[in-house]
Amino acid sequence: MQVTRKQLSDAVEAQIISAGQAEALYAFLSARSQDTPRFSFTHVLYYLGGMIAIGAMTLFMNLGWENFGGAGIVLISILYAAMGLTITHQLAARSLNIPAGICAVFVVCLTPLAIYGLQQWLGVWPDDSVYRDYHRYIRWHWLYMELGTLAVGTLVAWRYKYPFLIMPIAATLWYMTMDISAMISGGDFDWELRSLVSMYSGLLMIALAFWVDIRARHKADYAFWIYIFGVIAFWGGLSMQDSDSELSKFLYFCINLLMIGIGVILVRRVFVVFGALGASGYLGYLASDIFKDSWLFPVALTAIGLGVIYLGILWQKHEKSLTYKARQWLPESLRELLEARSQ
């Protein structure tokens, strides 16, 4: 729940709190939330600058850097990393946690470039691919770069403990789900294998995110990025499954509805967004294929939609009592997590 100055002013007019208390409370909440990412001009500048710098060394890297050779790439990466760590340390000392976290992420994102340069320098790079292909194509030999990134990312995250540092770790885990499938298949482009690897790897990432969520429930939101990439990997692999069975398609629809429910319970929008996409896709399939010329299908969908709205009305009416009773059956750690997320 986000408290605005207007809401506090309304509380003053309703004589719930005094004007002095409203100002003191607003100052307190502003200080507490200054390190929470939000859509403000300052934070937009932070993340825009960070994404430009990170993108320059990752997505937008060009072939010009190949002219430096492996040793040159390693040396430049080390110099950039030293500069990034110095800036991170200085910003952290001034309690500027958001820009400090972005600079720390910049350092982690240099890791695959440094490992690529090291492999080129040692003459163990296996083919004629180049670094800029790392973010574009699936290759088994990216795994060395990914494992190194996980190691450096974990070390830097342990040192600075900024939630944004989990982003490159989660993205690397997502990359690994695709590259491992390429390694298992021997480089063959097997959609079925890759979708299965993606789906089960995504499930593992979601489980990891939930574990992190439980462990860090009294701290920052370290699970956010793991949830995002885990859901992308799981839902993408699930949606790529090929089946001509109507039962399988209906199970896909049910899994997406379950994702929506999980997202509501855990207050994680990524589950709701992808679950809604999958459910909408199934309904679209029914409308265009199964009930293509049926006048009854839109009527039935309308009735179902109105029924869902009615369930929402009932839930709103009894939400507090039902939520309280349901949470009494949960473990204390999970109950604390849900209470914190629903505020």
Protein backbone atom coordinates (compact mmCIF):
# COMPACT_ATOMS: atom_id res chain seq x y z
CA MET A 1 0.00 0.00 0.00
CA GLN A 2 1.41 3.39 -1.04
CA VAL A 3 0.56 6.35 1.18
CA THR A 4 0.42 9.73 -0.55
CA ARG A 5 0.46 13.23 0.83
CA LYS A 6 -3.12 13.68 -0.41
CA GLN A 7 -4.26 10.70 1.68
CA LEU A 8 -2.58 12.11 4.75
CA SER A 9 -4.25 15.49 4.09
CA ASP A 10 -7.60 13.73 3.88
CA ALA A 11 -6.85 12.05 7.20
CA VAL A 12 -6.14 15.48 8.72
CA GLU A 13 -9.45 16.84 7.38
CA ALA A 14 -11.24 13.82 8.87
CA GLN A 15 -9.55 14.70 12.18
CA ILE A 16 -7.88 11.30 12.41
CA ILE A 17 -4.41 12.79 12.82
CA SER A 18 -3.09 16.32 13.24
CA ALA A 19 -1.31 18.34 10.54
CA GLY A 20 1.98 18.01 12.42
CA GLN A 21 1.60 14.27 12.68
CA ALA A 22 0.80 14.07 8.96
CA GLU A 23 4.00 15.96 8.06
CA ALA A 24 6.10 13.87 10.43
CA LEU A 25 4.59 10.64 9.09
CA TYR A 26 5.12 11.70 5.47
CA ALA A 27 8.77 12.57 6.18
CA PHE A 28 9.26 9.22 7.93
CA LEU A 29 7.68 7.20 5.09
CA SER A 30 9.61 9.15 2.45
CA ALA A 31 12.90 8.41 4.20
CA ARG A 32 12.02 4.73 4.53
CA SER A 33 11.06 4.40 0.86
CA GLN A 34 13.92 6.35 -0.73
CA ASP A 35 15.75 3.10 -1.56
CA THR A 36 12.63 1.41 -2.98
CA PRO A 37 12.49 1.58 -6.80
CA ARG A 38 9.59 3.69 -7.97
CA PHE A 39 8.53 5.67 -11.02
CA SER A 40 10.13 8.99 -10.17
CA PHE A 41 12.34 11.18 -12.37
CA THR A 42 15.39 10.51 -10.19
CA HIS A 43 14.97 6.74 -10.38
CA VAL A 44 14.26 6.87 -14.12
CA LEU A 45 17.60 8.65 -14.58
CA TYR A 46 19.35 6.08 -12.38
CA TYR A 47 18.04 3.09 -14.32
CA LEU A 48 18.30 4.74 -17.74
CA GLY A 49 21.96 5.55 -17.18
CA GLY A 50 22.61 2.10 -15.75
CA MET A 51 20.90 0.31 -18.62
CA ILE A 52 22.86 2.36 -21.16
CA ALA A 53 26.17 1.45 -19.48
CA ILE A 54 25.23 -2.21 -19.01
CA GLY A 55 23.83 -2.46 -22.54
CA ALA A 56 27.06 -1.01 -23.96
CA MET A 57 29.01 -3.95 -22.52
CA THR A 58 26.42 -6.64 -23.28
CA LEU A 59 23.61 -6.31 -25.83
CA PHE A 60 25.20 -3.53 -27.92
CA MET A 61 28.79 -4.83 -27.98
CA ASN A 62 30.17 -4.67 -31.53
CA LEU A 63 32.95 -6.42 -33.41
CA GLY A 64 35.34 -3.52 -32.86
CA TRP A 65 36.36 -5.02 -29.52
CA GLU A 66 37.65 -8.15 -31.28
CA ASN A 67 40.58 -6.02 -32.46
CA PHE A 68 41.91 -5.86 -28.89
CA GLY A 69 42.43 -9.61 -28.81
CA GLY A 70 41.77 -11.88 -25.86
CA ALA A 71 44.37 -10.33 -23.56
CA GLY A 72 43.17 -6.81 -24.35
CA ILE A 73 39.54 -7.72 -23.64
CA VAL A 74 40.51 -9.25 -20.28
CA LEU A 75 42.56 -6.18 -19.30
CA ILE A 76 39.84 -3.72 -20.29
CA SER A 77 37.20 -5.78 -18.47
CA ILE A 78 39.31 -5.76 -15.30
CA LEU A 79 39.81 -1.99 -15.53
CA TYR A 80 36.07 -1.44 -16.05
CA ALA A 81 35.25 -3.76 -13.15
CA ALA A 82 37.69 -1.97 -10.85
CA MET A 83 36.13 1.35 -11.81
CA GLY A 84 32.63 -0.02 -11.24
CA LEU A 85 33.49 -1.46 -7.83
CA THR A 86 35.12 1.81 -6.77
CA ILE A 87 32.03 3.81 -7.73
CA THR A 88 29.78 1.21 -6.05
CA HIS A 89 31.77 1.46 -2.81
CA GLN A 90 31.69 5.27 -2.85
CA LEU A 91 27.93 5.40 -3.51
CA ALA A 92 27.27 2.78 -0.83
CA ALA A 93 29.22 4.85 1.68
CA ARG A 94 26.90 7.78 0.91
CA SER A 95 23.81 5.54 1.33
CA LEU A 96 22.87 5.95 -2.34
CA ASN A 97 21.79 2.34 -2.55
CA ILE A 98 19.93 2.32 -5.87
CA PRO A 99 22.76 3.77 -8.03
CA ALA A 100 25.24 1.69 -6.02
CA GLY A 101 23.28 -1.45 -6.86
CA ILE A 102 23.15 -0.53 -10.55
CA CYS A 103 26.92 -0.02 -10.65
CA ALA A 104 27.42 -3.37 -8.91
CA VAL A 105 25.24 -5.03 -11.57
CA PHE A 106 27.43 -3.39 -14.22
CA VAL A 107 30.43 -5.19 -12.70
CA VAL A 108 28.66 -8.56 -12.73
CA CYS A 109 27.61 -8.08 -16.36
CA LEU A 110 31.29 -7.67 -17.33
CA THR A 111 32.03 -11.23 -16.24
CA PRO A 112 31.02 -13.09 -19.45
CA LEU A 113 33.05 -10.61 -21.51
CA ALA A 114 36.13 -11.19 -19.33
CA ILE A 115 35.74 -14.99 -19.53
CA TYR A 116 35.30 -14.79 -23.31
CA GLY A 117 38.49 -12.77 -23.57
CA LEU A 118 40.32 -15.22 -21.33
CA GLN A 119 39.25 -18.19 -23.46
CA GLN A 120 40.33 -16.36 -26.61
CA TRP A 121 43.65 -15.48 -25.00
CA LEU A 122 44.32 -19.08 -23.97
CA GLY A 123 43.26 -20.38 -27.39
CA VAL A 124 40.48 -22.62 -26.04
CA TRP A 125 37.52 -20.88 -27.69
CA PRO A 126 35.77 -23.73 -29.55
CA ASP A 127 34.47 -22.05 -32.73
CA ASP A 128 34.30 -18.82 -34.72
CA SER A 129 31.42 -17.26 -32.75
CA VAL A 130 32.04 -13.90 -31.07
CA TYR A 131 30.97 -12.30 -27.80
CA ARG A 132 28.11 -10.27 -29.24
CA ASP A 133 26.39 -13.58 -30.12
CA TYR A 134 26.17 -14.45 -26.40
CA HIS A 135 22.88 -12.58 -25.97
CA ARG A 136 21.48 -13.62 -29.35
CA TYR A 137 22.06 -17.32 -29.93
CA ILE A 138 21.98 -20.58 -27.97
CA ARG A 139 25.36 -22.33 -27.71
CA TRP A 140 26.59 -25.02 -25.31
CA HIS A 141 29.97 -23.32 -24.80
CA TRP A 142 28.35 -20.22 -23.28
CA LEU A 143 28.08 -22.34 -20.10
CA TYR A 144 31.60 -21.38 -18.98
CA MET A 145 30.67 -17.70 -19.18
CA GLU A 146 27.39 -18.36 -17.39
CA LEU A 147 28.94 -20.35 -14.55
CA GLY A 148 31.52 -17.60 -14.05
CA THR A 149 28.78 -14.96 -14.03
CA LEU A 150 26.84 -16.92 -11.40
CA ALA A 151 29.95 -17.16 -9.22
CA VAL A 152 30.85 -13.47 -9.49
CA GLY A 153 27.20 -12.41 -9.15
CA THR A 154 26.76 -14.46 -5.99
CA LEU A 155 29.96 -13.04 -4.50
CA VAL A 156 29.04 -9.42 -5.28
CA ALA A 157 25.44 -9.94 -4.08
CA TRP A 158 26.77 -11.44 -0.82
CA ARG A 159 29.04 -8.42 -0.38
CA TYR A 160 26.56 -5.62 -1.16
CA LYS A 161 23.15 -7.28 -0.69
CA TYR A 162 21.26 -5.09 -3.18
CA PRO A 163 18.10 -6.73 -4.59
CA PHE A 164 18.87 -5.53 -8.14
CA LEU A 165 22.00 -7.71 -8.11
CA ILE A 166 19.75 -10.75 -8.38
CA MET A 167 18.72 -9.62 -11.88
CA PRO A 168 21.90 -10.74 -13.75
CA ILE A 169 21.96 -13.95 -11.69
CA ALA A 170 18.35 -14.76 -12.61
CA ALA A 171 18.92 -13.82 -16.26
CA THR A 172 21.99 -16.07 -16.37
CA LEU A 173 20.01 -18.97 -14.91
CA TRP A 174 17.44 -18.41 -17.67
CA TYR A 175 20.18 -18.42 -20.32
CA MET A 176 21.51 -21.67 -18.86
CA THR A 177 18.16 -23.41 -19.26
CA MET A 178 18.45 -22.90 -23.01
CA ASP A 179 22.16 -23.63 -23.36
CA ILE A 180 21.98 -26.83 -21.28
CA SER A 181 19.32 -28.16 -23.67
CA ALA A 182 21.68 -27.42 -26.57
CA MET A 183 24.45 -29.31 -24.75
CA ILE A 184 22.19 -32.31 -24.05
CA SER A 185 20.99 -32.48 -27.66
CA GLY A 186 24.52 -32.15 -29.03
CA GLY A 187 23.66 -28.88 -30.74
CA ASP A 188 20.61 -30.23 -32.57
CA PHE A 189 17.63 -27.91 -32.67
CA ASP A 190 15.09 -30.03 -30.80
CA TRP A 191 12.05 -27.92 -29.80
CA GLU A 192 10.55 -30.70 -27.68
CA LEU A 193 13.71 -31.17 -25.61
CA ARG A 194 14.28 -27.45 -25.21
CA SER A 195 10.72 -26.82 -24.12
CA LEU A 196 10.95 -29.58 -21.51
CA VAL A 197 14.27 -28.29 -20.17
CA SER A 198 12.88 -24.75 -20.07
CA MET A 199 9.71 -25.84 -18.27
CA TYR A 200 11.39 -27.91 -15.57
CA SER A 201 14.22 -25.42 -15.11
CA GLY A 202 11.61 -22.69 -14.71
CA LEU A 203 9.90 -24.75 -12.01
CA LEU A 204 13.20 -25.07 -10.16
CA MET A 205 13.77 -21.32 -10.43
CA ILE A 206 10.26 -20.62 -9.10
CA ALA A 207 10.93 -22.97 -6.18
CA LEU A 208 14.23 -21.18 -5.54
CA ALA A 209 12.46 -17.82 -5.67
CA PHE A 210 9.87 -19.01 -3.17
CA TRP A 211 12.63 -20.23 -0.84
CA VAL A 212 14.41 -16.88 -1.13
CA ASP A 213 11.08 -15.12 -0.55
CA ILE A 214 10.57 -17.02 2.69
CA ARG A 215 14.13 -16.49 3.91
CA ALA A 216 14.18 -12.77 3.07
CA ARG A 217 10.61 -11.96 4.15
CA HIS A 218 11.86 -9.48 6.79
CA LYS A 219 14.41 -7.90 4.44
CA ALA A 220 14.40 -6.68 0.85
CA ASP A 221 12.64 -8.31 -2.11
CA TYR A 222 15.46 -10.54 -3.35
CA ALA A 223 13.09 -12.99 -5.07
CA PHE A 224 11.58 -10.52 -7.58
CA TRP A 225 13.89 -11.20 -10.54
CA ILE A 226 14.10 -14.94 -9.90
CA TYR A 227 10.31 -15.12 -10.06
CA ILE A 228 10.26 -13.19 -13.34
CA PHE A 229 12.79 -15.33 -15.22
CA GLY A 230 11.51 -18.52 -13.59
CA VAL A 231 7.96 -17.85 -14.74
CA ILE A 232 9.17 -16.89 -18.23
CA ALA A 233 11.14 -20.14 -18.53
CA PHE A 234 8.32 -22.29 -17.13
CA TRP A 235 5.47 -20.66 -19.06
CA GLY A 236 7.47 -20.49 -22.27
CA GLY A 237 8.36 -24.19 -22.07
CA LEU A 238 4.80 -25.10 -21.14
CA SER A 239 3.32 -23.11 -24.01
CA MET A 240 5.70 -24.70 -26.54
CA GLN A 241 4.53 -28.22 -25.70
CA ASP A 242 2.96 -29.79 -28.77
CA SER A 243 -0.25 -31.73 -28.14
CA ASP A 244 -3.27 -32.68 -30.21
CA SER A 245 -5.17 -33.83 -27.13
CA GLU A 246 -8.08 -31.69 -25.98
CA LEU A 247 -7.46 -32.89 -22.43
CA SER A 248 -3.88 -31.63 -22.55
CA LYS A 249 -5.05 -28.25 -23.82
CA PHE A 250 -7.61 -28.05 -21.02
CA LEU A 251 -4.92 -28.94 -18.46
CA TYR A 252 -2.82 -26.11 -19.92
CA PHE A 253 -5.76 -23.78 -19.31
CA CYS A 254 -6.11 -25.04 -15.72
CA ILE A 255 -2.38 -24.56 -15.06
CA ASN A 256 -2.66 -20.96 -16.25
CA LEU A 257 -5.65 -20.38 -13.96
CA LEU A 258 -3.58 -21.85 -11.13
CA MET A 259 -0.78 -19.42 -11.98
CA ILE A 260 -3.23 -16.54 -11.67
CA GLY A 261 -4.29 -17.81 -8.25
CA ILE A 262 -0.69 -18.21 -7.10
CA GLY A 263 0.10 -14.71 -8.30
CA VAL A 264 -2.79 -13.26 -6.32
CA ILE A 265 -1.84 -15.18 -3.17
CA LEU A 266 1.86 -14.31 -3.34
CA VAL A 267 1.16 -10.80 -4.71
CA ARG A 268 3.41 -11.52 -7.70
CA ARG A 269 2.04 -9.93 -10.86
CA VAL A 270 4.27 -11.94 -13.20
CA PHE A 271 2.22 -15.09 -12.47
CA VAL A 272 -1.02 -13.22 -13.16
CA VAL A 273 0.23 -11.67 -16.42
CA PHE A 274 1.47 -14.92 -17.97
CA GLY A 275 -1.41 -16.94 -16.55
CA ALA A 276 -3.86 -14.51 -18.12
CA LEU A 277 -2.03 -14.74 -21.47
CA GLY A 278 -2.23 -18.53 -21.41
CA ALA A 279 -5.87 -18.63 -20.36
CA SER A 280 -6.79 -16.08 -23.04
CA GLY A 281 -4.92 -18.13 -25.62
CA TYR A 282 -6.92 -21.24 -24.73
CA LEU A 283 -10.22 -19.36 -24.90
CA GLY A 284 -9.18 -17.96 -28.24
CA TYR A 285 -8.45 -21.49 -29.45
CA LEU A 286 -11.93 -22.60 -28.37
CA ALA A 287 -13.55 -19.66 -30.13
CA SER A 288 -11.64 -20.06 -33.40
CA ASP A 289 -11.44 -23.86 -33.66
CA ILE A 290 -13.77 -25.85 -31.42
CA PHE A 291 -16.80 -23.53 -31.32
CA LYS A 292 -16.10 -21.59 -34.49
CA ASP A 293 -19.73 -21.32 -35.68
CA SER A 294 -21.52 -21.80 -32.37
CA TRP A 295 -23.79 -18.95 -31.24
CA LEU A 296 -23.91 -20.48 -27.75
CA PHE A 297 -20.18 -20.13 -27.00
CA PRO A 298 -20.12 -16.32 -26.56
CA VAL A 299 -23.25 -16.60 -24.41
CA ALA A 300 -21.62 -19.24 -22.22
CA LEU A 301 -18.44 -17.14 -21.89
CA THR A 302 -20.49 -14.12 -20.90
CA ALA A 303 -22.24 -16.15 -18.21
CA ILE A 304 -18.90 -17.44 -16.94
CA GLY A 305 -17.49 -13.91 -16.88
CA LEU A 306 -20.45 -12.58 -14.92
CA GLY A 307 -20.13 -15.54 -12.55
CA VAL A 308 -16.47 -14.69 -11.93
CA ILE A 309 -17.45 -11.08 -11.20
CA TYR A 310 -20.04 -12.33 -8.69
CA LEU A 311 -17.38 -14.48 -7.03
CA GLY A 312 -15.27 -11.35 -6.77
CA ILE A 313 -18.11 -9.53 -5.02
CA LEU A 314 -18.53 -12.39 -2.56
CA TRP A 315 -14.78 -12.52 -1.96
CA GLN A 316 -14.60 -8.79 -1.28
CA LYS A 317 -17.45 -9.11 1.20
CA HIS A 318 -15.85 -11.98 3.17
CA GLU A 319 -12.18 -11.48 2.27
CA LYS A 320 -10.96 -10.55 5.75
CA SER A 321 -12.53 -13.51 7.56
CA LEU A 322 -11.73 -16.06 4.84
CA THR A 323 -8.12 -14.88 4.59
CA TYR A 324 -7.67 -15.03 8.34
CA LYS A 325 -9.09 -18.56 8.60
CA ALA A 326 -7.07 -19.84 5.65
CA ARG A 327 -3.79 -18.44 6.93
CA GLN A 328 -4.19 -20.18 10.30
CA TRP A 329 -3.46 -23.46 8.51
CA LEU A 330 -0.19 -22.19 7.02
CA PRO A 331 3.32 -22.39 8.51
CA GLU A 332 4.32 -19.27 10.42
CA SER A 333 7.04 -18.29 7.92
CA LEU A 334 4.62 -18.45 4.97
CA ARG A 335 1.94 -16.62 6.95
CA GLU A 336 4.38 -13.79 7.72
CA LEU A 337 5.39 -13.61 4.06
CA LEU A 338 1.78 -13.32 2.85
CA GLU A 339 0.92 -10.72 5.48
CA ALA A 340 3.94 -8.64 4.48
CA ARG A 341 3.14 -8.90 0.76
CA SER A 342 -0.54 -8.01 1.19
CA GLN A 343 0.08 -4.74 2.98
